[in-house]
Amino acid sequence: MRRRRLRDAAAALPIGALLIFTPPYMRVFDQNAELFGVPLLHVSLFALWFLGLFLSALLARALIAAEEEDQSPVEAPDADDRPADVER
């Protein structure tokens, strides 16, 4: 169940990123304001881009961990762990 949710989030992330970079949303940041001498539009563009990369990396790590968790074999008891009265 966890892996399916992670895959759904990984599929939705590029769609959300595509939508956030469309002109109607980017016009919100197209102001005559500056942050440390850099126009707010440029700062927001790179900040959102970095956020997308960061979220992609987190999702990738979580997907890898979920995949390894699902593929790990159930450990069977070793032959040496049997009681002494059981024939080998």
PDB file of N, CA and C in Angstrom:
ATOM      1  N   MET A   1       0.830  -1.195   0.000  1.00  0.00           N
ATOM      2  CA  MET A   1       0.000   0.000   0.000  1.00  0.00           C
ATOM      3  C   MET A   1       0.874   1.259   0.000  1.00  0.00           C
ATOM      4  N   ARG A   2       1.943   1.227   0.793  1.00  0.00           N
ATOM      5  CA  ARG A   2       2.833   2.383   0.870  1.00  0.00           C
ATOM      6  C   ARG A   2       3.500   2.643  -0.475  1.00  0.00           C
ATOM      7  N   ARG A   3       3.908   1.558  -1.124  1.00  0.00           N
ATOM      8  CA  ARG A   3       4.595   1.705  -2.405  1.00  0.00           C
ATOM      9  C   ARG A   3       3.662   2.287  -3.465  1.00  0.00           C
ATOM     10  N   ARG A   4       2.404   1.906  -3.420  1.00  0.00           N
ATOM     11  CA  ARG A   4       1.443   2.441  -4.394  1.00  0.00           C
ATOM     12  C   ARG A   4       1.237   3.938  -4.189  1.00  0.00           C
ATOM     13  N   ARG A   5       1.147   4.369  -2.946  1.00  0.00           N
ATOM     14  CA  ARG A   5       1.004   5.802  -2.665  1.00  0.00           C
ATOM     15  C   ARG A   5       2.230   6.582  -3.115  1.00  0.00           C
ATOM     16  N   LEU A   6       3.393   6.000  -2.907  1.00  0.00           N
ATOM     17  CA  LEU A   6       4.621   6.665  -3.342  1.00  0.00           C
ATOM     18  C   LEU A   6       4.691   6.764  -4.863  1.00  0.00           C
ATOM     19  N   ARG A   7       4.261   5.700  -5.537  1.00  0.00           N
ATOM     20  CA  ARG A   7       4.251   5.750  -7.005  1.00  0.00           C
ATOM     21  C   ARG A   7       3.254   6.791  -7.499  1.00  0.00           C
ATOM     22  N   ASP A   8       2.101   6.887  -6.838  1.00  0.00           N
ATOM     23  CA  ASP A   8       1.118   7.905  -7.224  1.00  0.00           C
ATOM     24  C   ASP A   8       1.677   9.312  -7.011  1.00  0.00           C
ATOM     25  N   ALA A   9       2.375   9.507  -5.902  1.00  0.00           N
ATOM     26  CA  ALA A   9       2.979  10.814  -5.633  1.00  0.00           C
ATOM     27  C   ALA A   9       4.070  11.120  -6.655  1.00  0.00           C
ATOM     28  N   ALA A  10       4.836  10.101  -7.038  1.00  0.00           N
ATOM     29  CA  ALA A  10       5.888  10.298  -8.035  1.00  0.00           C
ATOM     30  C   ALA A  10       5.299  10.624  -9.406  1.00  0.00           C
ATOM     31  N   ALA A  11       4.117  10.107  -9.682  1.00  0.00           N
ATOM     32  CA  ALA A  11       3.464  10.430 -10.955  1.00  0.00           C
ATOM     33  C   ALA A  11       2.834  11.822 -10.919  1.00  0.00           C
ATOM     34  N   ALA A  12       2.362  12.244  -9.751  1.00  0.00           N
ATOM     35  CA  ALA A  12       1.696  13.544  -9.628  1.00  0.00           C
ATOM     36  C   ALA A  12       2.689  14.702  -9.533  1.00  0.00           C
ATOM     37  N   LEU A  13       3.893  14.437  -9.077  1.00  0.00           N
ATOM     38  CA  LEU A  13       4.871  15.510  -8.900  1.00  0.00           C
ATOM     39  C   LEU A  13       5.210  16.233 -10.202  1.00  0.00           C
ATOM     40  N   PRO A  14       5.514  15.562 -11.291  1.00  0.00           N
ATOM     41  CA  PRO A  14       5.807  16.302 -12.531  1.00  0.00           C
ATOM     42  C   PRO A  14       4.599  17.085 -13.051  1.00  0.00           C
ATOM     43  N   ILE A  15       3.413  16.541 -12.847  1.00  0.00           N
ATOM     44  CA  ILE A  15       2.211  17.251 -13.291  1.00  0.00           C
ATOM     45  C   ILE A  15       2.025  18.523 -12.477  1.00  0.00           C
ATOM     46  N   GLY A  16       2.221  18.416 -11.171  1.00  0.00           N
ATOM     47  CA  GLY A  16       2.123  19.597 -10.316  1.00  0.00           C
ATOM     48  C   GLY A  16       3.193  20.624 -10.647  1.00  0.00           C
ATOM     49  N   ALA A  17       4.396  20.150 -10.930  1.00  0.00           N
ATOM     50  CA  ALA A  17       5.476  21.069 -11.291  1.00  0.00           C
ATOM     51  C   ALA A  17       5.179  21.762 -12.613  1.00  0.00           C
ATOM     52  N   LEU A  18       4.627  21.023 -13.546  1.00  0.00           N
ATOM     53  CA  LEU A  18       4.272  21.614 -14.832  1.00  0.00           C
ATOM     54  C   LEU A  18       3.210  22.703 -14.652  1.00  0.00           C
ATOM     55  N   LEU A  19       2.243  22.427 -13.811  1.00  0.00           N
ATOM     56  CA  LEU A  19       1.180  23.411 -13.573  1.00  0.00           C
ATOM     57  C   LEU A  19       1.699  24.657 -12.857  1.00  0.00           C
ATOM     58  N   ILE A  20       2.597  24.476 -11.909  1.00  0.00           N
ATOM     59  CA  ILE A  20       3.080  25.621 -11.127  1.00  0.00           C
ATOM     60  C   ILE A  20       3.949  26.548 -11.976  1.00  0.00           C
ATOM     61  N   PHE A  21       4.529  26.031 -13.064  1.00  0.00           N
ATOM     62  CA  PHE A  21       5.361  26.863 -13.925  1.00  0.00           C
ATOM     63  C   PHE A  21       4.602  27.474 -15.098  1.00  0.00           C
ATOM     64  N   THR A  22       3.292  27.313 -15.134  1.00  0.00           N
ATOM     65  CA  THR A  22       2.497  27.936 -16.201  1.00  0.00           C
ATOM     66  C   THR A  22       2.359  29.433 -15.925  1.00  0.00           C
ATOM     67  N   PRO A  23       2.169  30.220 -16.963  1.00  0.00           N
ATOM     68  CA  PRO A  23       2.117  31.674 -16.800  1.00  0.00           C
ATOM     69  C   PRO A  23       1.111  32.211 -15.764  1.00  0.00           C
ATOM     70  N   PRO A  24      -0.097  31.660 -15.625  1.00  0.00           N
ATOM     71  CA  PRO A  24      -0.989  32.235 -14.608  1.00  0.00           C
ATOM     72  C   PRO A  24      -0.422  32.174 -13.191  1.00  0.00           C
ATOM     73  N   TYR A  25       0.272  31.093 -12.866  1.00  0.00           N
ATOM     74  CA  TYR A  25       0.854  30.992 -11.530  1.00  0.00           C
ATOM     75  C   TYR A  25       2.142  31.798 -11.402  1.00  0.00           C
ATOM     76  N   MET A  26       2.917  31.860 -12.451  1.00  0.00           N
ATOM     77  CA  MET A  26       4.172  32.604 -12.387  1.00  0.00           C
ATOM     78  C   MET A  26       3.929  34.114 -12.365  1.00  0.00           C
ATOM     79  N   ARG A  27       2.793  34.561 -12.885  1.00  0.00           N
ATOM     80  CA  ARG A  27       2.485  35.995 -12.843  1.00  0.00           C
ATOM     81  C   ARG A  27       2.294  36.506 -11.425  1.00  0.00           C
ATOM     82  N   VAL A  28       1.980  35.607 -10.520  1.00  0.00           N
ATOM     83  CA  VAL A  28       1.854  35.998  -9.106  1.00  0.00           C
ATOM     84  C   VAL A  28       3.176  36.561  -8.613  1.00  0.00           C
ATOM     85  N   PHE A  29       4.281  36.008  -9.069  1.00  0.00           N
ATOM     86  CA  PHE A  29       5.610  36.437  -8.632  1.00  0.00           C
ATOM     87  C   PHE A  29       6.206  37.526  -9.523  1.00  0.00           C
ATOM     88  N   ASP A  30       5.518  37.895 -10.588  1.00  0.00           N
ATOM     89  CA  ASP A  30       6.031  38.912 -11.511  1.00  0.00           C
ATOM     90  C   ASP A  30       5.659  40.297 -10.976  1.00  0.00           C
ATOM     91  N   GLN A  31       6.363  40.689  -9.947  1.00  0.00           N
ATOM     92  CA  GLN A  31       6.136  41.975  -9.284  1.00  0.00           C
ATOM     93  C   GLN A  31       7.388  42.848  -9.452  1.00  0.00           C
ATOM     94  N   ASN A  32       7.260  44.081  -9.095  1.00  0.00           N
ATOM     95  CA  ASN A  32       8.417  44.988  -9.124  1.00  0.00           C
ATOM     96  C   ASN A  32       9.196  44.913  -7.819  1.00  0.00           C
ATOM     97  N   ALA A  33       9.246  43.758  -7.233  1.00  0.00           N
ATOM     98  CA  ALA A  33       9.974  43.566  -5.984  1.00  0.00           C
ATOM     99  C   ALA A  33      11.283  42.820  -6.264  1.00  0.00           C
ATOM    100  N   GLU A  34      12.227  43.037  -5.394  1.00  0.00           N
ATOM    101  CA  GLU A  34      13.521  42.363  -5.514  1.00  0.00           C
ATOM    102  C   GLU A  34      13.903  41.753  -4.184  1.00  0.00           C
ATOM    103  N   LEU A  35      14.623  40.662  -4.258  1.00  0.00           N
ATOM    104  CA  LEU A  35      15.134  40.001  -3.069  1.00  0.00           C
ATOM    105  C   LEU A  35      16.643  39.907  -3.230  1.00  0.00           C
ATOM    106  N   PHE A  36      17.378  40.648  -2.424  1.00  0.00           N
ATOM    107  CA  PHE A  36      18.837  40.743  -2.521  1.00  0.00           C
ATOM    108  C   PHE A  36      19.277  41.219  -3.902  1.00  0.00           C
ATOM    109  N   GLY A  37      18.496  42.101  -4.489  1.00  0.00           N
ATOM    110  CA  GLY A  37      18.837  42.672  -5.785  1.00  0.00           C
ATOM    111  C   GLY A  37      18.429  41.828  -6.984  1.00  0.00           C
ATOM    112  N   VAL A  38      17.787  40.703  -6.734  1.00  0.00           N
ATOM    113  CA  VAL A  38      17.351  39.807  -7.803  1.00  0.00           C
ATOM    114  C   VAL A  38      15.826  39.902  -7.898  1.00  0.00           C
ATOM    115  N   PRO A  39      15.276  40.023  -9.100  1.00  0.00           N
ATOM    116  CA  PRO A  39      13.824  40.103  -9.236  1.00  0.00           C
ATOM    117  C   PRO A  39      13.122  38.894  -8.609  1.00  0.00           C
ATOM    118  N   LEU A  40      11.984  39.146  -7.999  1.00  0.00           N
ATOM    119  CA  LEU A  40      11.235  38.104  -7.301  1.00  0.00           C
ATOM    120  C   LEU A  40      10.842  36.956  -8.226  1.00  0.00           C
ATOM    121  N   LEU A  41      10.570  37.247  -9.485  1.00  0.00           N
ATOM    122  CA  LEU A  41      10.218  36.199 -10.446  1.00  0.00           C
ATOM    123  C   LEU A  41      11.353  35.195 -10.604  1.00  0.00           C
ATOM    124  N   HIS A  42      12.581  35.682 -10.703  1.00  0.00           N
ATOM    125  CA  HIS A  42      13.731  34.781 -10.866  1.00  0.00           C
ATOM    126  C   HIS A  42      13.979  33.968  -9.601  1.00  0.00           C
ATOM    127  N   VAL A  43      13.854  34.610  -8.457  1.00  0.00           N
ATOM    128  CA  VAL A  43      14.056  33.898  -7.191  1.00  0.00           C
ATOM    129  C   VAL A  43      13.008  32.798  -7.036  1.00  0.00           C
ATOM    130  N   SER A  44      11.751  33.129  -7.320  1.00  0.00           N
ATOM    131  CA  SER A  44      10.687  32.135  -7.164  1.00  0.00           C
ATOM    132  C   SER A  44      10.840  31.007  -8.181  1.00  0.00           C
ATOM    133  N   LEU A  45      11.258  31.327  -9.383  1.00  0.00           N
ATOM    134  CA  LEU A  45      11.448  30.303 -10.404  1.00  0.00           C
ATOM    135  C   LEU A  45      12.476  29.272  -9.958  1.00  0.00           C
ATOM    136  N   PHE A  46      13.635  29.733  -9.493  1.00  0.00           N
ATOM    137  CA  PHE A  46      14.676  28.805  -9.067  1.00  0.00           C
ATOM    138  C   PHE A  46      14.347  28.131  -7.743  1.00  0.00           C
ATOM    139  N   ALA A  47      13.620  28.816  -6.857  1.00  0.00           N
ATOM    140  CA  ALA A  47      13.220  28.195  -5.596  1.00  0.00           C
ATOM    141  C   ALA A  47      12.226  27.058  -5.842  1.00  0.00           C
ATOM    142  N   LEU A  48      11.271  27.272  -6.734  1.00  0.00           N
ATOM    143  CA  LEU A  48      10.313  26.215  -7.057  1.00  0.00           C
ATOM    144  C   LEU A  48      10.985  25.063  -7.805  1.00  0.00           C
ATOM    145  N   TRP A  49      11.927  25.380  -8.658  1.00  0.00           N
ATOM    146  CA  TRP A  49      12.677  24.351  -9.366  1.00  0.00           C
ATOM    147  C   TRP A  49      13.469  23.496  -8.375  1.00  0.00           C
ATOM    148  N   PHE A  50      14.144  24.160  -7.427  1.00  0.00           N
ATOM    149  CA  PHE A  50      14.906  23.433  -6.411  1.00  0.00           C
ATOM    150  C   PHE A  50      13.978  22.582  -5.546  1.00  0.00           C
ATOM    151  N   LEU A  51      12.813  23.112  -5.195  1.00  0.00           N
ATOM    152  CA  LEU A  51      11.850  22.357  -4.393  1.00  0.00           C
ATOM    153  C   LEU A  51      11.404  21.098  -5.143  1.00  0.00           C
ATOM    154  N   GLY A  52      11.175  21.220  -6.446  1.00  0.00           N
ATOM    155  CA  GLY A  52      10.813  20.052  -7.239  1.00  0.00           C
ATOM    156  C   GLY A  52      11.909  19.005  -7.261  1.00  0.00           C
ATOM    157  N   LEU A  53      13.149  19.439  -7.394  1.00  0.00           N
ATOM    158  CA  LEU A  53      14.279  18.502  -7.364  1.00  0.00           C
ATOM    159  C   LEU A  53      14.399  17.817  -6.010  1.00  0.00           C
ATOM    160  N   PHE A  54      14.233  18.585  -4.951  1.00  0.00           N
ATOM    161  CA  PHE A  54      14.327  18.043  -3.593  1.00  0.00           C
ATOM    162  C   PHE A  54      13.227  17.017  -3.341  1.00  0.00           C
ATOM    163  N   LEU A  55      11.994  17.341  -3.732  1.00  0.00           N
ATOM    164  CA  LEU A  55      10.889  16.395  -3.552  1.00  0.00           C
ATOM    165  C   LEU A  55      11.077  15.144  -4.406  1.00  0.00           C
ATOM    166  N   SER A  56      11.618  15.301  -5.599  1.00  0.00           N
ATOM    167  CA  SER A  56      11.900  14.143  -6.457  1.00  0.00           C
ATOM    168  C   SER A  56      12.935  13.224  -5.814  1.00  0.00           C
ATOM    169  N   ALA A  57      13.958  13.804  -5.227  1.00  0.00           N
ATOM    170  CA  ALA A  57      14.988  13.007  -4.558  1.00  0.00           C
ATOM    171  C   ALA A  57      14.407  12.265  -3.355  1.00  0.00           C
ATOM    172  N   LEU A  58      13.573  12.937  -2.577  1.00  0.00           N
ATOM    173  CA  LEU A  58      12.947  12.276  -1.427  1.00  0.00           C
ATOM    174  C   LEU A  58      12.047  11.128  -1.866  1.00  0.00           C
ATOM    175  N   LEU A  59      11.271  11.363  -2.901  1.00  0.00           N
ATOM    176  CA  LEU A  59      10.395  10.305  -3.404  1.00  0.00           C
ATOM    177  C   LEU A  59      11.194   9.131  -3.964  1.00  0.00           C
ATOM    178  N   ALA A  60      12.279   9.425  -4.650  1.00  0.00           N
ATOM    179  CA  ALA A  60      13.107   8.352  -5.204  1.00  0.00           C
ATOM    180  C   ALA A  60      13.696   7.488  -4.086  1.00  0.00           C
ATOM    181  N   ARG A  61      14.187   8.129  -3.053  1.00  0.00           N
ATOM    182  CA  ARG A  61      14.753   7.372  -1.922  1.00  0.00           C
ATOM    183  C   ARG A  61      13.682   6.537  -1.238  1.00  0.00           C
ATOM    184  N   ALA A  62      12.487   7.106  -1.063  1.00  0.00           N
ATOM    185  CA  ALA A  62      11.398   6.378  -0.424  1.00  0.00           C
ATOM    186  C   ALA A  62      10.940   5.207  -1.292  1.00  0.00           C
ATOM    187  N   LEU A  63      10.893   5.395  -2.606  1.00  0.00           N
ATOM    188  CA  LEU A  63      10.506   4.310  -3.507  1.00  0.00           C
ATOM    189  C   LEU A  63      11.525   3.179  -3.493  1.00  0.00           C
ATOM    190  N   ILE A  64      12.797   3.527  -3.459  1.00  0.00           N
ATOM    191  CA  ILE A  64      13.848   2.503  -3.402  1.00  0.00           C
ATOM    192  C   ILE A  64      13.748   1.717  -2.103  1.00  0.00           C
ATOM    193  N   ALA A  65      13.528   2.424  -0.998  1.00  0.00           N
ATOM    194  CA  ALA A  65      13.407   1.753   0.300  1.00  0.00           C
ATOM    195  C   ALA A  65      12.177   0.851   0.336  1.00  0.00           C
ATOM    196  N   ALA A  66      11.071   1.303  -0.227  1.00  0.00           N
ATOM    197  CA  ALA A  66       9.854   0.485  -0.248  1.00  0.00           C
ATOM    198  C   ALA A  66      10.048  -0.735  -1.138  1.00  0.00           C
ATOM    199  N   GLU A  67      10.743  -0.567  -2.246  1.00  0.00           N
ATOM    200  CA  GLU A  67      11.014  -1.689  -3.156  1.00  0.00           C
ATOM    201  C   GLU A  67      11.890  -2.730  -2.466  1.00  0.00           C
ATOM    202  N   GLU A  68      12.934  -2.289  -1.778  1.00  0.00           N
ATOM    203  CA  GLU A  68      13.815  -3.222  -1.070  1.00  0.00           C
ATOM    204  C   GLU A  68      13.080  -3.909   0.067  1.00  0.00           C
ATOM    205  N   GLU A  69      12.192  -3.179   0.714  1.00  0.00           N
ATOM    206  CA  GLU A  69      11.415  -3.737   1.813  1.00  0.00           C
ATOM    207  C   GLU A  69      10.486  -4.841   1.311  1.00  0.00           C
ATOM    208  N   ASP A  70       9.897  -4.646   0.142  1.00  0.00           N
ATOM    209  CA  ASP A  70       8.993  -5.647  -0.428  1.00  0.00           C
ATOM    210  C   ASP A  70       9.736  -6.863  -0.946  1.00  0.00           C
ATOM    211  N   GLN A  71      10.969  -6.689  -1.394  1.00  0.00           N
ATOM    212  CA  GLN A  71      11.718  -7.793  -1.985  1.00  0.00           C
ATOM    213  C   GLN A  71      12.591  -8.547  -0.992  1.00  0.00           C
ATOM    214  N   SER A  72      12.682  -8.077   0.235  1.00  0.00           N
ATOM    215  CA  SER A  72      13.529  -8.770   1.208  1.00  0.00           C
ATOM    216  C   SER A  72      12.885 -10.103   1.558  1.00  0.00           C
ATOM    217  N   PRO A  73      13.645 -11.188   1.450  1.00  0.00           N
ATOM    218  CA  PRO A  73      13.079 -12.517   1.727  1.00  0.00           C
ATOM    219  C   PRO A  73      12.832 -12.697   3.227  1.00  0.00           C
ATOM    220  N   VAL A  74      11.838 -13.503   3.511  1.00  0.00           N
ATOM    221  CA  VAL A  74      11.567 -13.845   4.906  1.00  0.00           C
ATOM    222  C   VAL A  74      12.614 -14.856   5.319  1.00  0.00           C
ATOM    223  N   GLU A  75      13.274 -14.588   6.417  1.00  0.00           N
ATOM    224  CA  GLU A  75      14.365 -15.457   6.836  1.00  0.00           C
ATOM    225  C   GLU A  75      13.818 -16.755   7.416  1.00  0.00           C
ATOM    226  N   ALA A  76      14.306 -17.863   6.894  1.00  0.00           N
ATOM    227  CA  ALA A  76      13.953 -19.171   7.423  1.00  0.00           C
ATOM    228  C   ALA A  76      14.975 -19.540   8.488  1.00  0.00           C
ATOM    229  N   PRO A  77      14.554 -20.291   9.461  1.00  0.00           N
ATOM    230  CA  PRO A  77      15.524 -20.680  10.498  1.00  0.00           C
ATOM    231  C   PRO A  77      16.603 -21.581   9.908  1.00  0.00           C
ATOM    232  N   ASP A  78      17.815 -21.405  10.371  1.00  0.00           N
ATOM    233  CA  ASP A  78      18.934 -22.221   9.908  1.00  0.00           C
ATOM    234  C   ASP A  78      18.807 -23.640  10.452  1.00  0.00           C
ATOM    235  N   ALA A  79      19.508 -24.547   9.803  1.00  0.00           N
ATOM    236  CA  ALA A  79      19.483 -25.940  10.250  1.00  0.00           C
ATOM    237  C   ALA A  79      20.124 -26.075  11.624  1.00  0.00           C
ATOM    238  N   ASP A  80      21.050 -25.214  11.942  1.00  0.00           N
ATOM    239  CA  ASP A  80      21.727 -25.289  13.234  1.00  0.00           C
ATOM    240  C   ASP A  80      20.852 -24.785  14.371  1.00  0.00           C
ATOM    241  N   ASP A  81      19.772 -24.115  14.062  1.00  0.00           N
ATOM    242  CA  ASP A  81      18.902 -23.570  15.094  1.00  0.00           C
ATOM    243  C   ASP A  81      17.849 -24.575  15.563  1.00  0.00           C
ATOM    244  N   ARG A  82      17.831 -25.759  14.962  1.00  0.00           N
ATOM    245  CA  ARG A  82      16.847 -26.770  15.360  1.00  0.00           C
ATOM    246  C   ARG A  82      17.225 -27.353  16.720  1.00  0.00           C
ATOM    247  N   PRO A  83      16.212 -27.817  17.421  1.00  0.00           N
ATOM    248  CA  PRO A  83      16.504 -28.502  18.690  1.00  0.00           C
ATOM    249  C   PRO A  83      17.344 -29.750  18.452  1.00  0.00           C
ATOM    250  N   ALA A  84      18.064 -30.193  19.459  1.00  0.00           N
ATOM    251  CA  ALA A  84      18.990 -31.308  19.322  1.00  0.00           C
ATOM    252  C   ALA A  84      18.273 -32.632  19.070  1.00  0.00           C
ATOM    253  N   ASP A  85      17.027 -32.786  19.503  1.00  0.00           N
ATOM    254  CA  ASP A  85      16.342 -34.062  19.355  1.00  0.00           C
ATOM    255  C   ASP A  85      15.708 -34.252  17.968  1.00  0.00           C
ATOM    256  N   VAL A  86      15.794 -33.247  17.090  1.00  0.00           N
ATOM    257  CA  VAL A  86      15.239 -33.361  15.747  1.00  0.00           C
ATOM    258  C   VAL A  86      16.319 -33.923  14.826  1.00  0.00           C
ATOM    259  N   GLU A  87      15.911 -34.942  14.017  1.00  0.00           N
ATOM    260  CA  GLU A  87      16.867 -35.562  13.104  1.00  0.00           C
ATOM    261  C   GLU A  87      17.221 -34.603  11.982  1.00  0.00           C
ATOM    262  N   ARG A  88      18.464 -34.731  11.516  1.00  0.00           N
ATOM    263  CA  ARG A  88      18.937 -33.847  10.430  1.00  0.00           C
ATOM    264  C   ARG A  88      19.085 -34.620   9.174  1.00  0.00           C
TER     265      ARG A  88
END
